[in-house]
Amino acid sequence: LVLLPVLIINDQVVTPDTHPVGLQDFIGWALWVVGFLVETIADAQKGAFRANVLDKDKFITTGLWAYSRHPNYFGEILMWSALYVSCASAFTLYRQLLLGLLSPAFTALLLLKVT
């Protein structure tokens, strides 16, 4: 389910002539980079925090963690949402748009309710 937008794209014929790269693709790619950076920075900050023996039983409240309880989850959800935004520019059917939304929704469900 998580990779669904890519699977939808791979199931159809998409060429630069029929679906040129456009603004929506660039927005999706930019959002993906932001999500990747947020997740990477949050993981690095938490790793550095956990490496300090004095912080063993404490909660991290510095860096990105001062703004969100799980900034790494936010980054992950943003990355999959951005992938959907970019892929959706080439979807040709309304049902593909709706089906593709399962990817970021499922990722959010897993991270926010299951883990």
PDB file of N, CA and C in Angstrom:
ATOM      1  N   LEU A   1       0.808  -1.214   0.000  1.00  0.00           N
ATOM      2  CA  LEU A   1       0.000   0.000   0.000  1.00  0.00           C
ATOM      3  C   LEU A   1       0.841   1.264   0.000  1.00  0.00           C
ATOM      4  N   VAL A   2       1.992   1.224   0.649  1.00  0.00           N
ATOM      5  CA  VAL A   2       2.794   2.431   0.778  1.00  0.00           C
ATOM      6  C   VAL A   2       3.338   2.879  -0.574  1.00  0.00           C
ATOM      7  N   LEU A   3       3.685   1.953  -1.420  1.00  0.00           N
ATOM      8  CA  LEU A   3       4.283   2.266  -2.717  1.00  0.00           C
ATOM      9  C   LEU A   3       3.239   2.421  -3.829  1.00  0.00           C
ATOM     10  N   LEU A   4       1.980   2.500  -3.467  1.00  0.00           N
ATOM     11  CA  LEU A   4       0.893   2.490  -4.444  1.00  0.00           C
ATOM     12  C   LEU A   4       0.999   3.560  -5.532  1.00  0.00           C
ATOM     13  N   PRO A   5       1.344   4.818  -5.244  1.00  0.00           N
ATOM     14  CA  PRO A   5       1.445   5.795  -6.337  1.00  0.00           C
ATOM     15  C   PRO A   5       2.456   5.387  -7.414  1.00  0.00           C
ATOM     16  N   VAL A   6       3.567   4.817  -7.005  1.00  0.00           N
ATOM     17  CA  VAL A   6       4.577   4.381  -7.968  1.00  0.00           C
ATOM     18  C   VAL A   6       4.046   3.200  -8.778  1.00  0.00           C
ATOM     19  N   LEU A   7       3.351   2.289  -8.134  1.00  0.00           N
ATOM     20  CA  LEU A   7       2.785   1.144  -8.851  1.00  0.00           C
ATOM     21  C   LEU A   7       1.744   1.594  -9.869  1.00  0.00           C
ATOM     22  N   ILE A   8       0.962   2.608  -9.520  1.00  0.00           N
ATOM     23  CA  ILE A   8      -0.038   3.130 -10.459  1.00  0.00           C
ATOM     24  C   ILE A   8       0.661   3.732 -11.677  1.00  0.00           C
ATOM     25  N   ILE A   9       1.707   4.496 -11.444  1.00  0.00           N
ATOM     26  CA  ILE A   9       2.466   5.103 -12.543  1.00  0.00           C
ATOM     27  C   ILE A   9       3.079   4.027 -13.429  1.00  0.00           C
ATOM     28  N   ASN A  10       3.637   3.004 -12.811  1.00  0.00           N
ATOM     29  CA  ASN A  10       4.285   1.935 -13.587  1.00  0.00           C
ATOM     30  C   ASN A  10       3.287   1.103 -14.384  1.00  0.00           C
ATOM     31  N   ASP A  11       2.022   1.187 -14.052  1.00  0.00           N
ATOM     32  CA  ASP A  11       1.000   0.421 -14.756  1.00  0.00           C
ATOM     33  C   ASP A  11       0.502   1.133 -16.012  1.00  0.00           C
ATOM     34  N   GLN A  12       0.897   2.365 -16.208  1.00  0.00           N
ATOM     35  CA  GLN A  12       0.442   3.102 -17.386  1.00  0.00           C
ATOM     36  C   GLN A  12       1.632   3.579 -18.202  1.00  0.00           C
ATOM     37  N   VAL A  13       1.355   3.966 -19.425  1.00  0.00           N
ATOM     38  CA  VAL A  13       2.410   4.461 -20.303  1.00  0.00           C
ATOM     39  C   VAL A  13       2.569   5.959 -20.040  1.00  0.00           C
ATOM     40  N   VAL A  14       3.697   6.320 -19.450  1.00  0.00           N
ATOM     41  CA  VAL A  14       3.989   7.717 -19.159  1.00  0.00           C
ATOM     42  C   VAL A  14       5.287   8.069 -19.874  1.00  0.00           C
ATOM     43  N   THR A  15       5.199   9.021 -20.767  1.00  0.00           N
ATOM     44  CA  THR A  15       6.386   9.481 -21.493  1.00  0.00           C
ATOM     45  C   THR A  15       6.506  10.989 -21.326  1.00  0.00           C
ATOM     46  N   PRO A  16       7.676  11.537 -21.584  1.00  0.00           N
ATOM     47  CA  PRO A  16       7.817  13.001 -21.505  1.00  0.00           C
ATOM     48  C   PRO A  16       6.877  13.738 -22.457  1.00  0.00           C
ATOM     49  N   ASP A  17       6.471  13.075 -23.539  1.00  0.00           N
ATOM     50  CA  ASP A  17       5.551  13.717 -24.478  1.00  0.00           C
ATOM     51  C   ASP A  17       4.133  13.784 -23.930  1.00  0.00           C
ATOM     52  N   THR A  18       3.694  12.717 -23.262  1.00  0.00           N
ATOM     53  CA  THR A  18       2.318  12.681 -22.761  1.00  0.00           C
ATOM     54  C   THR A  18       2.181  13.343 -21.395  1.00  0.00           C
ATOM     55  N   HIS A  19       3.225  13.288 -20.574  1.00  0.00           N
ATOM     56  CA  HIS A  19       3.187  13.868 -19.230  1.00  0.00           C
ATOM     57  C   HIS A  19       4.523  14.552 -18.923  1.00  0.00           C
ATOM     58  N   PRO A  20       4.704  15.765 -19.431  1.00  0.00           N
ATOM     59  CA  PRO A  20       5.974  16.448 -19.157  1.00  0.00           C
ATOM     60  C   PRO A  20       6.094  16.819 -17.683  1.00  0.00           C
ATOM     61  N   VAL A  21       7.336  16.945 -17.232  1.00  0.00           N
ATOM     62  CA  VAL A  21       7.578  17.362 -15.848  1.00  0.00           C
ATOM     63  C   VAL A  21       7.050  18.781 -15.685  1.00  0.00           C
ATOM     64  N   GLY A  22       6.259  18.973 -14.624  1.00  0.00           N
ATOM     65  CA  GLY A  22       5.649  20.284 -14.407  1.00  0.00           C
ATOM     66  C   GLY A  22       5.816  20.771 -12.986  1.00  0.00           C
ATOM     67  N   LEU A  23       5.122  21.840 -12.689  1.00  0.00           N
ATOM     68  CA  LEU A  23       5.206  22.475 -11.376  1.00  0.00           C
ATOM     69  C   LEU A  23       4.833  21.518 -10.250  1.00  0.00           C
ATOM     70  N   GLN A  24       3.808  20.712 -10.455  1.00  0.00           N
ATOM     71  CA  GLN A  24       3.378  19.772  -9.424  1.00  0.00           C
ATOM     72  C   GLN A  24       4.486  18.773  -9.093  1.00  0.00           C
ATOM     73  N   ASP A  25       5.241  18.364 -10.099  1.00  0.00           N
ATOM     74  CA  ASP A  25       6.367  17.457  -9.853  1.00  0.00           C
ATOM     75  C   ASP A  25       7.432  18.136  -9.001  1.00  0.00           C
ATOM     76  N   PHE A  26       7.759  19.370  -9.350  1.00  0.00           N
ATOM     77  CA  PHE A  26       8.772  20.100  -8.589  1.00  0.00           C
ATOM     78  C   PHE A  26       8.332  20.348  -7.148  1.00  0.00           C
ATOM     79  N   ILE A  27       7.062  20.637  -6.963  1.00  0.00           N
ATOM     80  CA  ILE A  27       6.535  20.812  -5.601  1.00  0.00           C
ATOM     81  C   ILE A  27       6.654  19.501  -4.829  1.00  0.00           C
ATOM     82  N   GLY A  28       6.285  18.390  -5.456  1.00  0.00           N
ATOM     83  CA  GLY A  28       6.401  17.083  -4.806  1.00  0.00           C
ATOM     84  C   GLY A  28       7.838  16.762  -4.442  1.00  0.00           C
ATOM     85  N   TRP A  29       8.757  17.038  -5.345  1.00  0.00           N
ATOM     86  CA  TRP A  29      10.170  16.746  -5.080  1.00  0.00           C
ATOM     87  C   TRP A  29      10.708  17.629  -3.960  1.00  0.00           C
ATOM     88  N   ALA A  30      10.310  18.901  -3.954  1.00  0.00           N
ATOM     89  CA  ALA A  30      10.768  19.821  -2.895  1.00  0.00           C
ATOM     90  C   ALA A  30      10.235  19.373  -1.537  1.00  0.00           C
ATOM     91  N   LEU A  31       8.965  18.981  -1.497  1.00  0.00           N
ATOM     92  CA  LEU A  31       8.391  18.487  -0.238  1.00  0.00           C
ATOM     93  C   LEU A  31       9.091  17.215   0.218  1.00  0.00           C
ATOM     94  N   TRP A  32       9.454  16.351  -0.728  1.00  0.00           N
ATOM     95  CA  TRP A  32      10.159  15.119  -0.372  1.00  0.00           C
ATOM     96  C   TRP A  32      11.504  15.444   0.272  1.00  0.00           C
ATOM     97  N   VAL A  33      12.232  16.392  -0.298  1.00  0.00           N
ATOM     98  CA  VAL A  33      13.532  16.783   0.256  1.00  0.00           C
ATOM     99  C   VAL A  33      13.358  17.361   1.662  1.00  0.00           C
ATOM    100  N   VAL A  34      12.335  18.184   1.870  1.00  0.00           N
ATOM    101  CA  VAL A  34      12.070  18.739   3.203  1.00  0.00           C
ATOM    102  C   VAL A  34      11.767  17.614   4.183  1.00  0.00           C
ATOM    103  N   GLY A  35      10.916  16.674   3.779  1.00  0.00           N
ATOM    104  CA  GLY A  35      10.592  15.542   4.647  1.00  0.00           C
ATOM    105  C   GLY A  35      11.818  14.715   4.986  1.00  0.00           C
ATOM    106  N   PHE A  36      12.664  14.472   3.991  1.00  0.00           N
ATOM    107  CA  PHE A  36      13.887  13.705   4.213  1.00  0.00           C
ATOM    108  C   PHE A  36      14.806  14.422   5.198  1.00  0.00           C
ATOM    109  N   LEU A  37      14.971  15.723   5.014  1.00  0.00           N
ATOM    110  CA  LEU A  37      15.825  16.489   5.920  1.00  0.00           C
ATOM    111  C   LEU A  37      15.276  16.500   7.345  1.00  0.00           C
ATOM    112  N   VAL A  38      13.974  16.690   7.483  1.00  0.00           N
ATOM    113  CA  VAL A  38      13.358  16.690   8.815  1.00  0.00           C
ATOM    114  C   VAL A  38      13.574  15.343   9.497  1.00  0.00           C
ATOM    115  N   GLU A  39      13.315  14.258   8.778  1.00  0.00           N
ATOM    116  CA  GLU A  39      13.481  12.925   9.376  1.00  0.00           C
ATOM    117  C   GLU A  39      14.946  12.656   9.732  1.00  0.00           C
ATOM    118  N   THR A  40      15.845  13.011   8.846  1.00  0.00           N
ATOM    119  CA  THR A  40      17.268  12.773   9.081  1.00  0.00           C
ATOM    120  C   THR A  40      17.785  13.592  10.255  1.00  0.00           C
ATOM    121  N   ILE A  41      17.424  14.867  10.294  1.00  0.00           N
ATOM    122  CA  ILE A  41      17.873  15.734  11.387  1.00  0.00           C
ATOM    123  C   ILE A  41      17.284  15.268  12.709  1.00  0.00           C
ATOM    124  N   ALA A  42      15.999  14.918  12.720  1.00  0.00           N
ATOM    125  CA  ALA A  42      15.357  14.449  13.954  1.00  0.00           C
ATOM    126  C   ALA A  42      16.008  13.167  14.461  1.00  0.00           C
ATOM    127  N   ASP A  43      16.303  12.249  13.554  1.00  0.00           N
ATOM    128  CA  ASP A  43      16.964  11.003  13.964  1.00  0.00           C
ATOM    129  C   ASP A  43      18.366  11.270  14.499  1.00  0.00           C
ATOM    130  N   ALA A  44      19.093  12.184  13.871  1.00  0.00           N
ATOM    131  CA  ALA A  44      20.442  12.521  14.339  1.00  0.00           C
ATOM    132  C   ALA A  44      20.388  13.189  15.708  1.00  0.00           C
ATOM    133  N   GLN A  45      19.422  14.086  15.890  1.00  0.00           N
ATOM    134  CA  GLN A  45      19.280  14.755  17.190  1.00  0.00           C
ATOM    135  C   GLN A  45      18.925  13.757  18.283  1.00  0.00           C
ATOM    136  N   LYS A  46      18.040  12.839  17.994  1.00  0.00           N
ATOM    137  CA  LYS A  46      17.668  11.849  18.999  1.00  0.00           C
ATOM    138  C   LYS A  46      18.831  10.910  19.294  1.00  0.00           C
ATOM    139  N   GLY A  47      19.589  10.540  18.267  1.00  0.00           N
ATOM    140  CA  GLY A  47      20.759   9.692  18.473  1.00  0.00           C
ATOM    141  C   GLY A  47      21.791  10.366  19.361  1.00  0.00           C
ATOM    142  N   ALA A  48      22.037  11.645  19.120  1.00  0.00           N
ATOM    143  CA  ALA A  48      22.988  12.390  19.949  1.00  0.00           C
ATOM    144  C   ALA A  48      22.468  12.527  21.375  1.00  0.00           C
ATOM    145  N   PHE A  49      21.172  12.732  21.518  1.00  0.00           N
ATOM    146  CA  PHE A  49      20.564  12.856  22.850  1.00  0.00           C
ATOM    147  C   PHE A  49      20.689  11.540  23.614  1.00  0.00           C
ATOM    148  N   ARG A  50      20.392  10.427  22.949  1.00  0.00           N
ATOM    149  CA  ARG A  50      20.458   9.119  23.608  1.00  0.00           C
ATOM    150  C   ARG A  50      21.892   8.698  23.924  1.00  0.00           C
ATOM    151  N   ALA A  51      22.860   9.240  23.208  1.00  0.00           N
ATOM    152  CA  ALA A  51      24.262   8.894  23.451  1.00  0.00           C
ATOM    153  C   ALA A  51      24.778   9.499  24.754  1.00  0.00           C
ATOM    154  N   ASN A  52      24.112  10.526  25.227  1.00  0.00           N
ATOM    155  CA  ASN A  52      24.492  11.153  26.488  1.00  0.00           C
ATOM    156  C   ASN A  52      23.917  10.336  27.644  1.00  0.00           C
ATOM    157  N   VAL A  53      24.777   9.809  28.480  1.00  0.00           N
ATOM    158  CA  VAL A  53      24.364   8.949  29.598  1.00  0.00           C
ATOM    159  C   VAL A  53      23.451   9.698  30.568  1.00  0.00           C
ATOM    160  N   LEU A  54      23.653  10.992  30.718  1.00  0.00           N
ATOM    161  CA  LEU A  54      22.836  11.777  31.649  1.00  0.00           C
ATOM    162  C   LEU A  54      21.385  11.907  31.179  1.00  0.00           C
ATOM    163  N   ASP A  55      21.140  11.698  29.904  1.00  0.00           N
ATOM    164  CA  ASP A  55      19.788  11.842  29.361  1.00  0.00           C
ATOM    165  C   ASP A  55      19.064  10.510  29.186  1.00  0.00           C
ATOM    166  N   LYS A  56      19.585   9.469  29.818  1.00  0.00           N
ATOM    167  CA  LYS A  56      19.064   8.119  29.580  1.00  0.00           C
ATOM    168  C   LYS A  56      17.560   7.993  29.819  1.00  0.00           C
ATOM    169  N   ASP A  57      17.036   8.522  30.899  1.00  0.00           N
ATOM    170  CA  ASP A  57      15.620   8.368  31.231  1.00  0.00           C
ATOM    171  C   ASP A  57      14.814   9.641  31.000  1.00  0.00           C
ATOM    172  N   LYS A  58      15.314  10.522  30.151  1.00  0.00           N
ATOM    173  CA  LYS A  58      14.630  11.787  29.886  1.00  0.00           C
ATOM    174  C   LYS A  58      14.021  11.776  28.481  1.00  0.00           C
ATOM    175  N   PHE A  59      13.112  12.722  28.275  1.00  0.00           N
ATOM    176  CA  PHE A  59      12.531  12.936  26.957  1.00  0.00           C
ATOM    177  C   PHE A  59      13.279  14.063  26.268  1.00  0.00           C
ATOM    178  N   ILE A  60      13.527  13.918  24.990  1.00  0.00           N
ATOM    179  CA  ILE A  60      14.211  14.953  24.235  1.00  0.00           C
ATOM    180  C   ILE A  60      13.246  16.112  23.968  1.00  0.00           C
ATOM    181  N   THR A  61      13.675  17.314  24.303  1.00  0.00           N
ATOM    182  CA  THR A  61      12.843  18.506  24.104  1.00  0.00           C
ATOM    183  C   THR A  61      13.650  19.629  23.451  1.00  0.00           C
ATOM    184  N   THR A  62      14.693  19.271  22.734  1.00  0.00           N
ATOM    185  CA  THR A  62      15.520  20.272  22.070  1.00  0.00           C
ATOM    186  C   THR A  62      15.493  20.031  20.562  1.00  0.00           C
ATOM    187  N   GLY A  63      15.959  21.018  19.798  1.00  0.00           N
ATOM    188  CA  GLY A  63      15.993  20.891  18.344  1.00  0.00           C
ATOM    189  C   GLY A  63      14.585  20.772  17.775  1.00  0.00           C
ATOM    190  N   LEU A  64      14.421  19.936  16.771  1.00  0.00           N
ATOM    191  CA  LEU A  64      13.098  19.721  16.173  1.00  0.00           C
ATOM    192  C   LEU A  64      12.115  19.122  17.166  1.00  0.00           C
ATOM    193  N   TRP A  65      12.647  18.428  18.153  1.00  0.00           N
ATOM    194  CA  TRP A  65      11.810  17.771  19.158  1.00  0.00           C
ATOM    195  C   TRP A  65      11.145  18.784  20.086  1.00  0.00           C
ATOM    196  N   ALA A  66      11.579  20.024  20.060  1.00  0.00           N
ATOM    197  CA  ALA A  66      10.931  21.076  20.847  1.00  0.00           C
ATOM    198  C   ALA A  66       9.613  21.506  20.194  1.00  0.00           C
ATOM    199  N   TYR A  67       9.473  21.240  18.900  1.00  0.00           N
ATOM    200  CA  TYR A  67       8.287  21.666  18.159  1.00  0.00           C
ATOM    201  C   TYR A  67       7.281  20.551  17.923  1.00  0.00           C
ATOM    202  N   SER A  68       7.722  19.312  18.008  1.00  0.00           N
ATOM    203  CA  SER A  68       6.849  18.188  17.712  1.00  0.00           C
ATOM    204  C   SER A  68       7.254  16.985  18.555  1.00  0.00           C
ATOM    205  N   ARG A  69       6.279  16.186  18.910  1.00  0.00           N
ATOM    206  CA  ARG A  69       6.576  14.995  19.687  1.00  0.00           C
ATOM    207  C   ARG A  69       7.321  13.948  18.859  1.00  0.00           C
ATOM    208  N   HIS A  70       7.010  13.892  17.568  1.00  0.00           N
ATOM    209  CA  HIS A  70       7.648  12.934  16.664  1.00  0.00           C
ATOM    210  C   HIS A  70       7.978  13.599  15.330  1.00  0.00           C
ATOM    211  N   PRO A  71       8.988  14.472  15.288  1.00  0.00           N
ATOM    212  CA  PRO A  71       9.318  15.108  14.007  1.00  0.00           C
ATOM    213  C   PRO A  71       9.809  14.108  12.968  1.00  0.00           C
ATOM    214  N   ASN A  72      10.382  12.992  13.412  1.00  0.00           N
ATOM    215  CA  ASN A  72      10.815  11.971  12.448  1.00  0.00           C
ATOM    216  C   ASN A  72       9.601  11.344  11.757  1.00  0.00           C
ATOM    217  N   TYR A  73       8.502  11.163  12.474  1.00  0.00           N
ATOM    218  CA  TYR A  73       7.279  10.645  11.859  1.00  0.00           C
ATOM    219  C   TYR A  73       6.731  11.660  10.856  1.00  0.00           C
ATOM    220  N   PHE A  74       6.755  12.932  11.236  1.00  0.00           N
ATOM    221  CA  PHE A  74       6.299  13.983  10.328  1.00  0.00           C
ATOM    222  C   PHE A  74       7.092  13.938   9.023  1.00  0.00           C
ATOM    223  N   GLY A  75       8.411  13.808   9.144  1.00  0.00           N
ATOM    224  CA  GLY A  75       9.255  13.738   7.954  1.00  0.00           C
ATOM    225  C   GLY A  75       8.904  12.552   7.071  1.00  0.00           C
ATOM    226  N   GLU A  76       8.682  11.406   7.669  1.00  0.00           N
ATOM    227  CA  GLU A  76       8.331  10.189   6.910  1.00  0.00           C
ATOM    228  C   GLU A  76       6.987  10.353   6.202  1.00  0.00           C
ATOM    229  N   ILE A  77       5.995  10.861   6.912  1.00  0.00           N
ATOM    230  CA  ILE A  77       4.668  11.063   6.312  1.00  0.00           C
ATOM    231  C   ILE A  77       4.755  12.090   5.192  1.00  0.00           C
ATOM    232  N   LEU A  78       5.541  13.149   5.398  1.00  0.00           N
ATOM    233  CA  LEU A  78       5.702  14.166   4.362  1.00  0.00           C
ATOM    234  C   LEU A  78       6.364  13.586   3.114  1.00  0.00           C
ATOM    235  N   MET A  79       7.334  12.702   3.281  1.00  0.00           N
ATOM    236  CA  MET A  79       7.999  12.093   2.130  1.00  0.00           C
ATOM    237  C   MET A  79       7.010  11.288   1.283  1.00  0.00           C
ATOM    238  N   TRP A  80       6.167  10.492   1.925  1.00  0.00           N
ATOM    239  CA  TRP A  80       5.202   9.683   1.163  1.00  0.00           C
ATOM    240  C   TRP A  80       4.095  10.549   0.575  1.00  0.00           C
ATOM    241  N   SER A  81       3.717  11.606   1.272  1.00  0.00           N
ATOM    242  CA  SER A  81       2.725  12.537   0.719  1.00  0.00           C
ATOM    243  C   SER A  81       3.296  13.253  -0.496  1.00  0.00           C
ATOM    244  N   ALA A  82       4.561  13.628  -0.424  1.00  0.00           N
ATOM    245  CA  ALA A  82       5.218  14.302  -1.545  1.00  0.00           C
ATOM    246  C   ALA A  82       5.327  13.386  -2.755  1.00  0.00           C
ATOM    247  N   LEU A  83       5.589  12.122  -2.521  1.00  0.00           N
ATOM    248  CA  LEU A  83       5.645  11.155  -3.622  1.00  0.00           C
ATOM    249  C   LEU A  83       4.287  11.080  -4.312  1.00  0.00           C
ATOM    250  N   TYR A  84       3.231  11.089  -3.523  1.00  0.00           N
ATOM    251  CA  TYR A  84       1.884  11.081  -4.093  1.00  0.00           C
ATOM    252  C   TYR A  84       1.641  12.341  -4.920  1.00  0.00           C
ATOM    253  N   VAL A  85       2.035  13.500  -4.408  1.00  0.00           N
ATOM    254  CA  VAL A  85       1.838  14.768  -5.125  1.00  0.00           C
ATOM    255  C   VAL A  85       2.515  14.713  -6.488  1.00  0.00           C
ATOM    256  N   SER A  86       3.740  14.240  -6.509  1.00  0.00           N
ATOM    257  CA  SER A  86       4.467  14.158  -7.773  1.00  0.00           C
ATOM    258  C   SER A  86       3.847  13.130  -8.717  1.00  0.00           C
ATOM    259  N   CYS A  87       3.543  11.957  -8.234  1.00  0.00           N
ATOM    260  CA  CYS A  87       2.953  10.913  -9.083  1.00  0.00           C
ATOM    261  C   CYS A  87       1.574  11.301  -9.598  1.00  0.00           C
ATOM    262  N   ALA A  88       0.806  12.009  -8.777  1.00  0.00           N
ATOM    263  CA  ALA A  88      -0.560  12.354  -9.150  1.00  0.00           C
ATOM    264  C   ALA A  88      -0.614  13.252 -10.380  1.00  0.00           C
ATOM    265  N   SER A  89       0.485  13.922 -10.673  1.00  0.00           N
ATOM    266  CA  SER A  89       0.489  14.771 -11.873  1.00  0.00           C
ATOM    267  C   SER A  89       0.335  13.941 -13.146  1.00  0.00           C
ATOM    268  N   ALA A  90       0.654  12.679 -13.093  1.00  0.00           N
ATOM    269  CA  ALA A  90       0.550  11.814 -14.274  1.00  0.00           C
ATOM    270  C   ALA A  90      -0.635  10.854 -14.209  1.00  0.00           C
ATOM    271  N   PHE A  91      -1.400  10.893 -13.123  1.00  0.00           N
ATOM    272  CA  PHE A  91      -2.573  10.027 -13.052  1.00  0.00           C
ATOM    273  C   PHE A  91      -3.600  10.514 -14.079  1.00  0.00           C
ATOM    274  N   THR A  92      -4.212   9.576 -14.770  1.00  0.00           N
ATOM    275  CA  THR A  92      -5.162   9.933 -15.817  1.00  0.00           C
ATOM    276  C   THR A  92      -6.618   9.686 -15.415  1.00  0.00           C
ATOM    277  N   LEU A  93      -6.826   8.967 -14.350  1.00  0.00           N
ATOM    278  CA  LEU A  93      -8.181   8.638 -13.922  1.00  0.00           C
ATOM    279  C   LEU A  93      -8.419   9.140 -12.497  1.00  0.00           C
ATOM    280  N   TYR A  94      -9.649   9.540 -12.232  1.00  0.00           N
ATOM    281  CA  TYR A  94     -10.012  10.020 -10.899  1.00  0.00           C
ATOM    282  C   TYR A  94      -9.788   8.943  -9.846  1.00  0.00           C
ATOM    283  N   ARG A  95     -10.090   7.699 -10.190  1.00  0.00           N
ATOM    284  CA  ARG A  95      -9.915   6.615  -9.216  1.00  0.00           C
ATOM    285  C   ARG A  95      -8.439   6.413  -8.866  1.00  0.00           C
ATOM    286  N   GLN A  96      -7.527   6.745  -9.797  1.00  0.00           N
ATOM    287  CA  GLN A  96      -6.099   6.664  -9.484  1.00  0.00           C
ATOM    288  C   GLN A  96      -5.723   7.695  -8.426  1.00  0.00           C
ATOM    289  N   LEU A  97      -6.304   8.880  -8.513  1.00  0.00           N
ATOM    290  CA  LEU A  97      -6.060   9.908  -7.495  1.00  0.00           C
ATOM    291  C   LEU A  97      -6.499   9.425  -6.117  1.00  0.00           C
ATOM    292  N   LEU A  98      -7.690   8.849  -6.077  1.00  0.00           N
ATOM    293  CA  LEU A  98      -8.211   8.361  -4.798  1.00  0.00           C
ATOM    294  C   LEU A  98      -7.426   7.161  -4.287  1.00  0.00           C
ATOM    295  N   LEU A  99      -7.106   6.235  -5.161  1.00  0.00           N
ATOM    296  CA  LEU A  99      -6.355   5.046  -4.769  1.00  0.00           C
ATOM    297  C   LEU A  99      -4.952   5.422  -4.294  1.00  0.00           C
ATOM    298  N   GLY A 100      -4.331   6.354  -4.976  1.00  0.00           N
ATOM    299  CA  GLY A 100      -2.997   6.800  -4.599  1.00  0.00           C
ATOM    300  C   GLY A 100      -2.938   7.439  -3.232  1.00  0.00           C
ATOM    301  N   LEU A 101      -4.040   8.030  -2.791  1.00  0.00           N
ATOM    302  CA  LEU A 101      -4.087   8.644  -1.459  1.00  0.00           C
ATOM    303  C   LEU A 101      -3.942   7.626  -0.333  1.00  0.00           C
ATOM    304  N   LEU A 102      -4.169   6.355  -0.649  1.00  0.00           N
ATOM    305  CA  LEU A 102      -4.007   5.317   0.371  1.00  0.00           C
ATOM    306  C   LEU A 102      -2.567   5.264   0.894  1.00  0.00           C
ATOM    307  N   SER A 103      -1.605   5.619   0.054  1.00  0.00           N
ATOM    308  CA  SER A 103      -0.203   5.545   0.461  1.00  0.00           C
ATOM    309  C   SER A 103       0.121   6.459   1.639  1.00  0.00           C
ATOM    310  N   PRO A 104      -0.065   7.782   1.512  1.00  0.00           N
ATOM    311  CA  PRO A 104       0.238   8.619   2.675  1.00  0.00           C
ATOM    312  C   PRO A 104      -0.718   8.370   3.846  1.00  0.00           C
ATOM    313  N   ALA A 105      -1.957   8.015   3.547  1.00  0.00           N
ATOM    314  CA  ALA A 105      -2.906   7.742   4.630  1.00  0.00           C
ATOM    315  C   ALA A 105      -2.500   6.493   5.413  1.00  0.00           C
ATOM    316  N   PHE A 106      -2.094   5.453   4.707  1.00  0.00           N
ATOM    317  CA  PHE A 106      -1.669   4.214   5.359  1.00  0.00           C
ATOM    318  C   PHE A 106      -0.386   4.430   6.165  1.00  0.00           C
ATOM    319  N   THR A 107       0.552   5.200   5.604  1.00  0.00           N
ATOM    320  CA  THR A 107       1.787   5.506   6.317  1.00  0.00           C
ATOM    321  C   THR A 107       1.475   6.265   7.603  1.00  0.00           C
ATOM    322  N   ALA A 108       0.610   7.258   7.512  1.00  0.00           N
ATOM    323  CA  ALA A 108       0.228   8.024   8.708  1.00  0.00           C
ATOM    324  C   ALA A 108      -0.437   7.122   9.733  1.00  0.00           C
ATOM    325  N   LEU A 109      -1.327   6.251   9.281  1.00  0.00           N
ATOM    326  CA  LEU A 109      -1.999   5.324  10.195  1.00  0.00           C
ATOM    327  C   LEU A 109      -0.985   4.442  10.923  1.00  0.00           C
ATOM    328  N   LEU A 110      -0.053   3.876  10.169  1.00  0.00           N
ATOM    329  CA  LEU A 110       0.959   3.008  10.787  1.00  0.00           C
ATOM    330  C   LEU A 110       1.800   3.765  11.827  1.00  0.00           C
ATOM    331  N   LEU A 111       2.235   4.959  11.472  1.00  0.00           N
ATOM    332  CA  LEU A 111       3.125   5.698  12.364  1.00  0.00           C
ATOM    333  C   LEU A 111       2.399   6.307  13.561  1.00  0.00           C
ATOM    334  N   LEU A 112       1.186   6.776  13.347  1.00  0.00           N
ATOM    335  CA  LEU A 112       0.489   7.475  14.427  1.00  0.00           C
ATOM    336  C   LEU A 112      -0.361   6.572  15.320  1.00  0.00           C
ATOM    337  N   LYS A 113      -0.825   5.455  14.790  1.00  0.00           N
ATOM    338  CA  LYS A 113      -1.726   4.606  15.580  1.00  0.00           C
ATOM    339  C   LYS A 113      -1.178   3.222  15.887  1.00  0.00           C
ATOM    340  N   VAL A 114      -0.278   2.699  15.056  1.00  0.00           N
ATOM    341  CA  VAL A 114       0.191   1.331  15.236  1.00  0.00           C
ATOM    342  C   VAL A 114       1.499   1.280  16.026  1.00  0.00           C
ATOM    343  N   THR A 115       2.461   2.173  15.713  1.00  0.00           N
ATOM    344  CA  THR A 115       3.746   2.125  16.407  1.00  0.00           C
ATOM    345  C   THR A 115       3.679   2.767  17.775  1.00  0.00           C
TER     346      THR A 115
END
